[in-house]
């Protein structure tokens, strides 16, 4: 993001508008999200597929599986995130608490749209009050209306938009164009999986190995199911953008 003349006078706080109506701190948060890995969600006839690229640790001592991008919220509710992992954890915890509060109060799972708008309100508040900064996270929140799957995108401004399939993180616009071009009218689970993985590949500048993918499937009346690396590797076998594992050797 290039600095414009006079911009420095308006980017010190998230509560100050520039003369042309921009909140630079929110734009900076969006820029931080673009530096993270690509995450894609695709709704199919009976569920939702979440696929995210995660930067693998360079050390062979690290557990790649400890880096999570997809999260279970409640029965029939899940999300995938892009941006700062620490910020993601705070927002996921908010979603889980709100989901349980609704369940205890009304005796039913919270509608995903209602939960999304509650999170959108929280995100918006962090752009309106001094002494805070916007969350550097975008989310794709999935759930069901009856048994019909639905997706909501939330960004640091607090805006919520519904999608059939969408991408967040690195190269999200190019990936969104790819999804719009390739999305079948009535995708199956297998088609949605391949499309989501292809979307993540579209956002990646280089080939990657299956270990770099965080894949989860959400279906009605069940918790989010994260696929083990062995199953991901089997399902993406033969795809041209899957590379070989690359780890830096220790110098000690």
C-alpha atoms as a PDB file:
ATOM      1  CA  UNK A   1       0.000   0.000   0.000  1.00  0.00           C
ATOM      2  CA  UNK A   2       1.583   3.283  -1.120  1.00  0.00           C
ATOM      3  CA  UNK A   3       1.495   6.258   1.223  1.00  0.00           C
ATOM      4  CA  UNK A   4      -0.485   9.149  -0.233  1.00  0.00           C
ATOM      5  CA  UNK A   5       0.312  12.844   0.399  1.00  0.00           C
ATOM      6  CA  UNK A   6      -1.215  13.936   3.698  1.00  0.00           C
ATOM      7  CA  UNK A   7      -2.098  10.376   4.668  1.00  0.00           C
ATOM      8  CA  UNK A   8       0.038  10.393   7.799  1.00  0.00           C
ATOM      9  CA  UNK A   9      -2.236  12.993   9.351  1.00  0.00           C
ATOM     10  CA  UNK A  10      -5.167  10.570   9.289  1.00  0.00           C
ATOM     11  CA  UNK A  11      -3.721   7.097   9.924  1.00  0.00           C
ATOM     12  CA  UNK A  12      -2.780   7.492  13.587  1.00  0.00           C
ATOM     13  CA  UNK A  13      -6.085   6.177  14.932  1.00  0.00           C
ATOM     14  CA  UNK A  14      -8.832   3.934  13.627  1.00  0.00           C
ATOM     15  CA  UNK A  15     -11.459   6.530  14.620  1.00  0.00           C
ATOM     16  CA  UNK A  16     -10.260   9.297  12.283  1.00  0.00           C
ATOM     17  CA  UNK A  17     -11.634   9.587   8.757  1.00  0.00           C
ATOM     18  CA  UNK A  18      -9.489  11.001   5.980  1.00  0.00           C
ATOM     19  CA  UNK A  19     -11.018  13.797   3.862  1.00  0.00           C
ATOM     20  CA  UNK A  20     -11.984  11.240   1.205  1.00  0.00           C
ATOM     21  CA  UNK A  21     -13.832   9.084   3.769  1.00  0.00           C
ATOM     22  CA  UNK A  22     -11.275   6.336   4.405  1.00  0.00           C
ATOM     23  CA  UNK A  23     -10.226   4.629   7.634  1.00  0.00           C
ATOM     24  CA  UNK A  24      -6.592   3.849   7.030  1.00  0.00           C
ATOM     25  CA  UNK A  25      -6.169   1.574  10.058  1.00  0.00           C
ATOM     26  CA  UNK A  26      -8.896  -0.696   8.683  1.00  0.00           C
ATOM     27  CA  UNK A  27      -7.171  -0.707   5.298  1.00  0.00           C
ATOM     28  CA  UNK A  28      -3.866  -1.579   6.982  1.00  0.00           C
ATOM     29  CA  UNK A  29      -5.571  -4.501   8.741  1.00  0.00           C
ATOM     30  CA  UNK A  30      -6.860  -5.726   5.375  1.00  0.00           C
ATOM     31  CA  UNK A  31      -3.326  -5.412   4.000  1.00  0.00           C
ATOM     32  CA  UNK A  32      -1.991  -7.528   6.881  1.00  0.00           C
ATOM     33  CA  UNK A  33      -4.539 -10.221   6.023  1.00  0.00           C
ATOM     34  CA  UNK A  34      -3.297 -10.241   2.417  1.00  0.00           C
ATOM     35  CA  UNK A  35       0.136 -11.245   3.725  1.00  0.00           C
ATOM     36  CA  UNK A  36      -1.277 -14.476   5.173  1.00  0.00           C
ATOM     37  CA  UNK A  37      -2.214 -17.678   3.426  1.00  0.00           C
ATOM     38  CA  UNK A  38      -5.267 -18.084   1.216  1.00  0.00           C
ATOM     39  CA  UNK A  39      -8.415 -19.632   2.686  1.00  0.00           C
ATOM     40  CA  UNK A  40     -11.412 -20.798   0.644  1.00  0.00           C
ATOM     41  CA  UNK A  41     -14.892 -22.053   1.496  1.00  0.00           C
ATOM     42  CA  UNK A  42     -17.265 -23.670  -0.988  1.00  0.00           C
ATOM     43  CA  UNK A  43     -20.859 -24.662  -0.212  1.00  0.00           C
ATOM     44  CA  UNK A  44     -22.172 -27.808  -1.887  1.00  0.00           C
ATOM     45  CA  UNK A  45     -25.554 -29.550  -1.854  1.00  0.00           C
ATOM     46  CA  UNK A  46     -25.380 -30.863   1.732  1.00  0.00           C
ATOM     47  CA  UNK A  47     -22.419 -29.131   3.356  1.00  0.00           C
ATOM     48  CA  UNK A  48     -19.433 -26.809   3.177  1.00  0.00           C
ATOM     49  CA  UNK A  49     -15.754 -27.459   2.434  1.00  0.00           C
ATOM     50  CA  UNK A  50     -13.116 -25.247   4.075  1.00  0.00           C
ATOM     51  CA  UNK A  51      -9.552 -25.271   2.725  1.00  0.00           C
ATOM     52  CA  UNK A  52      -6.738 -23.022   3.956  1.00  0.00           C
ATOM     53  CA  UNK A  53      -3.049 -22.744   3.199  1.00  0.00           C
ATOM     54  CA  UNK A  54      -0.839 -22.655   6.274  1.00  0.00           C
ATOM     55  CA  UNK A  55       2.820 -21.655   6.305  1.00  0.00           C
ATOM     56  CA  UNK A  56       4.711 -24.690   7.514  1.00  0.00           C
ATOM     57  CA  UNK A  57       7.373 -24.284  10.204  1.00  0.00           C
ATOM     58  CA  UNK A  58      10.913 -24.312   8.828  1.00  0.00           C
ATOM     59  CA  UNK A  59      12.122 -26.459  11.720  1.00  0.00           C
ATOM     60  CA  UNK A  60      11.727 -30.228  11.588  1.00  0.00           C
ATOM     61  CA  UNK A  61      11.062 -30.093  15.335  1.00  0.00           C
ATOM     62  CA  UNK A  62       7.766 -28.243  14.885  1.00  0.00           C
ATOM     63  CA  UNK A  63       4.368 -29.943  14.609  1.00  0.00           C
ATOM     64  CA  UNK A  64       2.723 -28.704  11.407  1.00  0.00           C
ATOM     65  CA  UNK A  65      -0.683 -29.863  12.657  1.00  0.00           C
ATOM     66  CA  UNK A  66      -0.563 -27.383  15.525  1.00  0.00           C
ATOM     67  CA  UNK A  67      -1.163 -24.536  13.073  1.00  0.00           C
ATOM     68  CA  UNK A  68      -4.936 -24.336  12.737  1.00  0.00           C
ATOM     69  CA  UNK A  69      -6.903 -22.275  10.243  1.00  0.00           C
ATOM     70  CA  UNK A  70     -10.298 -24.036  10.478  1.00  0.00           C
ATOM     71  CA  UNK A  71     -12.299 -24.129  13.700  1.00  0.00           C
ATOM     72  CA  UNK A  72     -15.401 -25.860  15.039  1.00  0.00           C
ATOM     73  CA  UNK A  73     -17.860 -23.428  16.644  1.00  0.00           C
ATOM     74  CA  UNK A  74     -20.868 -25.607  17.524  1.00  0.00           C
ATOM     75  CA  UNK A  75     -22.931 -28.353  15.936  1.00  0.00           C
ATOM     76  CA  UNK A  76     -23.374 -27.375  12.288  1.00  0.00           C
ATOM     77  CA  UNK A  77     -21.184 -24.271  12.692  1.00  0.00           C
ATOM     78  CA  UNK A  78     -17.575 -23.751  11.651  1.00  0.00           C
ATOM     79  CA  UNK A  79     -15.218 -21.207  10.166  1.00  0.00           C
ATOM     80  CA  UNK A  80     -11.906 -20.716   8.421  1.00  0.00           C
ATOM     81  CA  UNK A  81      -9.682 -17.696   9.030  1.00  0.00           C
ATOM     82  CA  UNK A  82      -6.937 -15.699   7.323  1.00  0.00           C
ATOM     83  CA  UNK A  83      -4.682 -13.173   9.018  1.00  0.00           C
ATOM     84  CA  UNK A  84      -3.033 -13.011  12.424  1.00  0.00           C
ATOM     85  CA  UNK A  85      -3.449 -16.358  14.167  1.00  0.00           C
ATOM     86  CA  UNK A  86      -3.574 -14.777  17.636  1.00  0.00           C
ATOM     87  CA  UNK A  87      -6.407 -12.464  16.565  1.00  0.00           C
ATOM     88  CA  UNK A  88      -8.220 -15.428  15.012  1.00  0.00           C
ATOM     89  CA  UNK A  89      -8.155 -17.278  18.305  1.00  0.00           C
ATOM     90  CA  UNK A  90      -9.840 -14.388  20.134  1.00  0.00           C
ATOM     91  CA  UNK A  91     -12.632 -14.153  17.560  1.00  0.00           C
ATOM     92  CA  UNK A  92     -13.188 -17.909  17.457  1.00  0.00           C
ATOM     93  CA  UNK A  93     -13.535 -17.915  21.240  1.00  0.00           C
ATOM     94  CA  UNK A  94     -16.134 -15.114  20.957  1.00  0.00           C
ATOM     95  CA  UNK A  95     -18.107 -17.155  18.419  1.00  0.00           C
ATOM     96  CA  UNK A  96     -18.041 -20.255  20.624  1.00  0.00           C
ATOM     97  CA  UNK A  97     -19.208 -18.370  23.712  1.00  0.00           C
ATOM     98  CA  UNK A  98     -22.018 -16.646  21.781  1.00  0.00           C
ATOM     99  CA  UNK A  99     -23.125 -19.975  20.302  1.00  0.00           C
ATOM    100  CA  UNK A 100     -23.316 -21.591  23.746  1.00  0.00           C
ATOM    101  CA  UNK A 101     -25.076 -18.576  25.255  1.00  0.00           C
ATOM    102  CA  UNK A 102     -27.775 -18.802  22.584  1.00  0.00           C
ATOM    103  CA  UNK A 103     -28.106 -22.568  23.076  1.00  0.00           C
ATOM    104  CA  UNK A 104     -28.511 -22.210  26.856  1.00  0.00           C
ATOM    105  CA  UNK A 105     -30.983 -19.333  26.517  1.00  0.00           C
ATOM    106  CA  UNK A 106     -33.210 -20.661  23.727  1.00  0.00           C
ATOM    107  CA  UNK A 107     -32.517 -24.406  23.747  1.00  0.00           C
ATOM    108  CA  UNK A 108     -31.474 -24.472  20.090  1.00  0.00           C
ATOM    109  CA  UNK A 109     -28.349 -23.925  17.964  1.00  0.00           C
ATOM    110  CA  UNK A 110     -27.719 -20.304  17.053  1.00  0.00           C
ATOM    111  CA  UNK A 111     -28.547 -19.415  13.410  1.00  0.00           C
ATOM    112  CA  UNK A 112     -25.279 -18.815  11.575  1.00  0.00           C
ATOM    113  CA  UNK A 113     -26.492 -15.464  10.206  1.00  0.00           C
ATOM    114  CA  UNK A 114     -27.331 -14.208  13.698  1.00  0.00           C
ATOM    115  CA  UNK A 115     -23.938 -15.341  14.980  1.00  0.00           C
ATOM    116  CA  UNK A 116     -22.200 -13.667  12.057  1.00  0.00           C
ATOM    117  CA  UNK A 117     -23.918 -10.355  12.679  1.00  0.00           C
ATOM    118  CA  UNK A 118     -22.961 -10.531  16.374  1.00  0.00           C
ATOM    119  CA  UNK A 119     -19.319 -10.935  15.383  1.00  0.00           C
ATOM    120  CA  UNK A 120     -19.663  -8.184  12.794  1.00  0.00           C
ATOM    121  CA  UNK A 121     -20.859  -5.839  15.554  1.00  0.00           C
ATOM    122  CA  UNK A 122     -17.795  -6.680  17.655  1.00  0.00           C
ATOM    123  CA  UNK A 123     -15.449  -6.096  14.719  1.00  0.00           C
ATOM    124  CA  UNK A 124     -17.107  -2.771  13.941  1.00  0.00           C
ATOM    125  CA  UNK A 125     -16.736  -1.588  17.542  1.00  0.00           C
ATOM    126  CA  UNK A 126     -12.969  -1.997  17.262  1.00  0.00           C
ATOM    127  CA  UNK A 127     -12.979   0.581  14.462  1.00  0.00           C
ATOM    128  CA  UNK A 128     -15.019   3.157  16.355  1.00  0.00           C
ATOM    129  CA  UNK A 129     -13.412   3.589  19.770  1.00  0.00           C
ATOM    130  CA  UNK A 130     -10.022   5.059  20.668  1.00  0.00           C
ATOM    131  CA  UNK A 131      -7.321   2.942  22.283  1.00  0.00           C
ATOM    132  CA  UNK A 132      -8.054  -0.139  20.173  1.00  0.00           C
ATOM    133  CA  UNK A 133      -6.973  -1.452  16.790  1.00  0.00           C
ATOM    134  CA  UNK A 134      -8.981  -3.425  14.237  1.00  0.00           C
ATOM    135  CA  UNK A 135      -8.618  -7.200  14.269  1.00  0.00           C
ATOM    136  CA  UNK A 136      -6.276  -8.250  11.456  1.00  0.00           C
ATOM    137  CA  UNK A 137      -8.469 -11.220  10.556  1.00  0.00           C
ATOM    138  CA  UNK A 138     -11.047 -12.142   7.950  1.00  0.00           C
ATOM    139  CA  UNK A 139     -13.357 -15.119   8.476  1.00  0.00           C
ATOM    140  CA  UNK A 140     -15.591 -17.330   6.390  1.00  0.00           C
ATOM    141  CA  UNK A 141     -18.326 -18.532   8.742  1.00  0.00           C
ATOM    142  CA  UNK A 142     -20.416 -21.510   7.662  1.00  0.00           C
ATOM    143  CA  UNK A 143     -23.698 -22.870   8.934  1.00  0.00           C
ATOM    144  CA  UNK A 144     -27.131 -24.089   7.885  1.00  0.00           C
ATOM    145  CA  UNK A 145     -30.636 -22.725   7.529  1.00  0.00           C
ATOM    146  CA  UNK A 146     -32.604 -25.896   7.970  1.00  0.00           C
ATOM    147  CA  UNK A 147     -30.335 -28.198   5.985  1.00  0.00           C
ATOM    148  CA  UNK A 148     -29.317 -25.616   3.397  1.00  0.00           C
ATOM    149  CA  UNK A 149     -25.667 -24.555   3.751  1.00  0.00           C
ATOM    150  CA  UNK A 150     -24.686 -20.901   3.847  1.00  0.00           C
ATOM    151  CA  UNK A 151     -21.514 -18.808   4.107  1.00  0.00           C
ATOM    152  CA  UNK A 152     -20.780 -15.387   5.570  1.00  0.00           C
ATOM    153  CA  UNK A 153     -17.600 -13.400   5.022  1.00  0.00           C
ATOM    154  CA  UNK A 154     -16.521 -11.010   7.784  1.00  0.00           C
ATOM    155  CA  UNK A 155     -13.644  -8.546   7.531  1.00  0.00           C
ATOM    156  CA  UNK A 156     -12.004  -6.061   9.970  1.00  0.00           C
ATOM    157  CA  UNK A 157     -14.541  -3.353   9.145  1.00  0.00           C
ATOM    158  CA  UNK A 158     -17.372  -5.522  10.506  1.00  0.00           C
ATOM    159  CA  UNK A 159     -19.055  -5.933   7.122  1.00  0.00           C
ATOM    160  CA  UNK A 160     -20.880  -9.257   6.602  1.00  0.00           C
ATOM    161  CA  UNK A 161     -21.615 -10.613   3.118  1.00  0.00           C
ATOM    162  CA  UNK A 162     -23.173 -13.942   2.144  1.00  0.00           C
ATOM    163  CA  UNK A 163     -21.562 -16.138  -0.534  1.00  0.00           C
ATOM    164  CA  UNK A 164     -21.926 -19.510  -2.242  1.00  0.00           C
ATOM    165  CA  UNK A 165     -18.127 -19.730  -2.379  1.00  0.00           C
ATOM    166  CA  UNK A 166     -15.452 -17.198  -1.511  1.00  0.00           C
ATOM    167  CA  UNK A 167     -11.808 -16.639  -0.641  1.00  0.00           C
ATOM    168  CA  UNK A 168      -9.950 -14.578   1.938  1.00  0.00           C
ATOM    169  CA  UNK A 169      -6.256 -13.910   2.480  1.00  0.00           C
ATOM    170  CA  UNK A 170      -3.547 -13.780  -0.172  1.00  0.00           C
ATOM    171  CA  UNK A 171      -4.694 -12.938  -3.713  1.00  0.00           C
ATOM    172  CA  UNK A 172      -8.334 -13.196  -2.654  1.00  0.00           C
ATOM    173  CA  UNK A 173      -9.653 -11.249  -5.646  1.00  0.00           C
ATOM    174  CA  UNK A 174      -7.908 -13.482  -8.174  1.00  0.00           C
ATOM    175  CA  UNK A 175      -9.087 -16.564  -6.279  1.00  0.00           C
ATOM    176  CA  UNK A 176     -12.652 -15.225  -6.092  1.00  0.00           C
ATOM    177  CA  UNK A 177     -12.610 -14.746  -9.873  1.00  0.00           C
ATOM    178  CA  UNK A 178     -11.374 -18.324 -10.241  1.00  0.00           C
ATOM    179  CA  UNK A 179     -14.187 -19.627  -8.026  1.00  0.00           C
ATOM    180  CA  UNK A 180     -16.812 -17.642  -9.911  1.00  0.00           C
ATOM    181  CA  UNK A 181     -15.589 -19.054 -13.213  1.00  0.00           C
ATOM    182  CA  UNK A 182     -15.304 -22.682 -12.061  1.00  0.00           C
ATOM    183  CA  UNK A 183     -18.189 -23.081  -9.583  1.00  0.00           C
ATOM    184  CA  UNK A 184     -20.704 -25.690 -10.848  1.00  0.00           C
ATOM    185  CA  UNK A 185     -24.393 -24.925 -10.558  1.00  0.00           C
ATOM    186  CA  UNK A 186     -24.907 -27.781  -8.080  1.00  0.00           C
ATOM    187  CA  UNK A 187     -21.509 -28.887  -6.773  1.00  0.00           C
ATOM    188  CA  UNK A 188     -21.064 -32.204  -5.000  1.00  0.00           C
ATOM    189  CA  UNK A 189     -18.768 -32.653  -2.016  1.00  0.00           C
ATOM    190  CA  UNK A 190     -15.974 -33.958  -4.240  1.00  0.00           C
ATOM    191  CA  UNK A 191     -16.375 -31.101  -6.731  1.00  0.00           C
ATOM    192  CA  UNK A 192     -16.430 -28.546  -3.921  1.00  0.00           C
ATOM    193  CA  UNK A 193     -13.257 -30.064  -2.436  1.00  0.00           C
ATOM    194  CA  UNK A 194     -11.362 -29.931  -5.728  1.00  0.00           C
ATOM    195  CA  UNK A 195     -12.575 -26.403  -6.428  1.00  0.00           C
ATOM    196  CA  UNK A 196     -11.529 -25.171  -2.970  1.00  0.00           C
ATOM    197  CA  UNK A 197      -8.081 -26.783  -3.231  1.00  0.00           C
ATOM    198  CA  UNK A 198      -7.713 -25.345  -6.725  1.00  0.00           C
ATOM    199  CA  UNK A 199      -8.644 -21.925  -5.365  1.00  0.00           C
ATOM    200  CA  UNK A 200      -5.952 -22.124  -2.692  1.00  0.00           C
ATOM    201  CA  UNK A 201      -3.464 -23.150  -5.399  1.00  0.00           C
ATOM    202  CA  UNK A 202      -4.575 -20.158  -7.476  1.00  0.00           C
ATOM    203  CA  UNK A 203      -3.641 -17.890  -4.564  1.00  0.00           C
ATOM    204  CA  UNK A 204      -0.267 -19.522  -3.943  1.00  0.00           C
ATOM    205  CA  UNK A 205       2.780 -18.236  -5.854  1.00  0.00           C
ATOM    206  CA  UNK A 206       4.496 -21.656  -5.731  1.00  0.00           C
ATOM    207  CA  UNK A 207       3.508 -25.338  -5.582  1.00  0.00           C
ATOM    208  CA  UNK A 208       2.977 -26.750  -2.096  1.00  0.00           C
ATOM    209  CA  UNK A 209       2.683 -30.129  -0.430  1.00  0.00           C
ATOM    210  CA  UNK A 210      -0.464 -31.648   1.007  1.00  0.00           C
ATOM    211  CA  UNK A 211       0.851 -31.062   4.521  1.00  0.00           C
ATOM    212  CA  UNK A 212       0.416 -27.317   3.969  1.00  0.00           C
ATOM    213  CA  UNK A 213      -3.368 -27.657   3.612  1.00  0.00           C
ATOM    214  CA  UNK A 214      -5.853 -27.376   6.454  1.00  0.00           C
ATOM    215  CA  UNK A 215      -9.051 -29.027   5.191  1.00  0.00           C
ATOM    216  CA  UNK A 216     -12.346 -29.356   7.043  1.00  0.00           C
ATOM    217  CA  UNK A 217     -15.880 -30.409   6.095  1.00  0.00           C
ATOM    218  CA  UNK A 218     -19.039 -29.131   7.760  1.00  0.00           C
ATOM    219  CA  UNK A 219     -22.344 -31.004   7.548  1.00  0.00           C
ATOM    220  CA  UNK A 220     -25.712 -30.518   9.311  1.00  0.00           C
ATOM    221  CA  UNK A 221     -26.102 -31.739  12.886  1.00  0.00           C
ATOM    222  CA  UNK A 222     -22.418 -32.609  13.245  1.00  0.00           C
ATOM    223  CA  UNK A 223     -19.292 -30.809  14.370  1.00  0.00           C
ATOM    224  CA  UNK A 224     -16.710 -29.607  11.884  1.00  0.00           C
ATOM    225  CA  UNK A 225     -14.585 -32.535  10.698  1.00  0.00           C
ATOM    226  CA  UNK A 226     -10.937 -31.749  10.027  1.00  0.00           C
ATOM    227  CA  UNK A 227      -9.314 -34.147   7.583  1.00  0.00           C
ATOM    228  CA  UNK A 228      -6.041 -35.815   8.627  1.00  0.00           C
ATOM    229  CA  UNK A 229      -2.997 -35.146   6.464  1.00  0.00           C
ATOM    230  CA  UNK A 230      -3.026 -38.724   5.165  1.00  0.00           C
ATOM    231  CA  UNK A 231      -6.559 -38.328   3.783  1.00  0.00           C
ATOM    232  CA  UNK A 232      -5.756 -34.922   2.283  1.00  0.00           C
ATOM    233  CA  UNK A 233      -2.678 -36.392   0.580  1.00  0.00           C
ATOM    234  CA  UNK A 234      -4.765 -39.227  -0.868  1.00  0.00           C
ATOM    235  CA  UNK A 235      -7.447 -36.898  -2.196  1.00  0.00           C
ATOM    236  CA  UNK A 236      -5.048 -34.425  -3.833  1.00  0.00           C
ATOM    237  CA  UNK A 237      -2.743 -37.080  -5.276  1.00  0.00           C
ATOM    238  CA  UNK A 238      -1.754 -36.257  -8.841  1.00  0.00           C
ATOM    239  CA  UNK A 239      -2.779 -32.611  -8.767  1.00  0.00           C
ATOM    240  CA  UNK A 240      -0.062 -30.526 -10.484  1.00  0.00           C
ATOM    241  CA  UNK A 241       0.332 -27.883  -7.769  1.00  0.00           C
ATOM    242  CA  UNK A 242       1.200 -30.367  -5.041  1.00  0.00           C
ATOM    243  CA  UNK A 243       4.976 -30.229  -4.512  1.00  0.00           C
ATOM    244  CA  UNK A 244       7.480 -32.110  -2.426  1.00  0.00           C
ATOM    245  CA  UNK A 245       8.090 -31.308   1.241  1.00  0.00           C
ATOM    246  CA  UNK A 246      10.777 -28.674   1.685  1.00  0.00           C
ATOM    247  CA  UNK A 247      12.360 -28.230   5.091  1.00  0.00           C
ATOM    248  CA  UNK A 248      15.482 -26.251   5.944  1.00  0.00           C
ATOM    249  CA  UNK A 249      18.252 -28.383   7.355  1.00  0.00           C
ATOM    250  CA  UNK A 250      19.549 -27.505  10.797  1.00  0.00           C
ATOM    251  CA  UNK A 251      23.030 -25.988  10.842  1.00  0.00           C
ATOM    252  CA  UNK A 252      23.680 -27.318  14.370  1.00  0.00           C
END
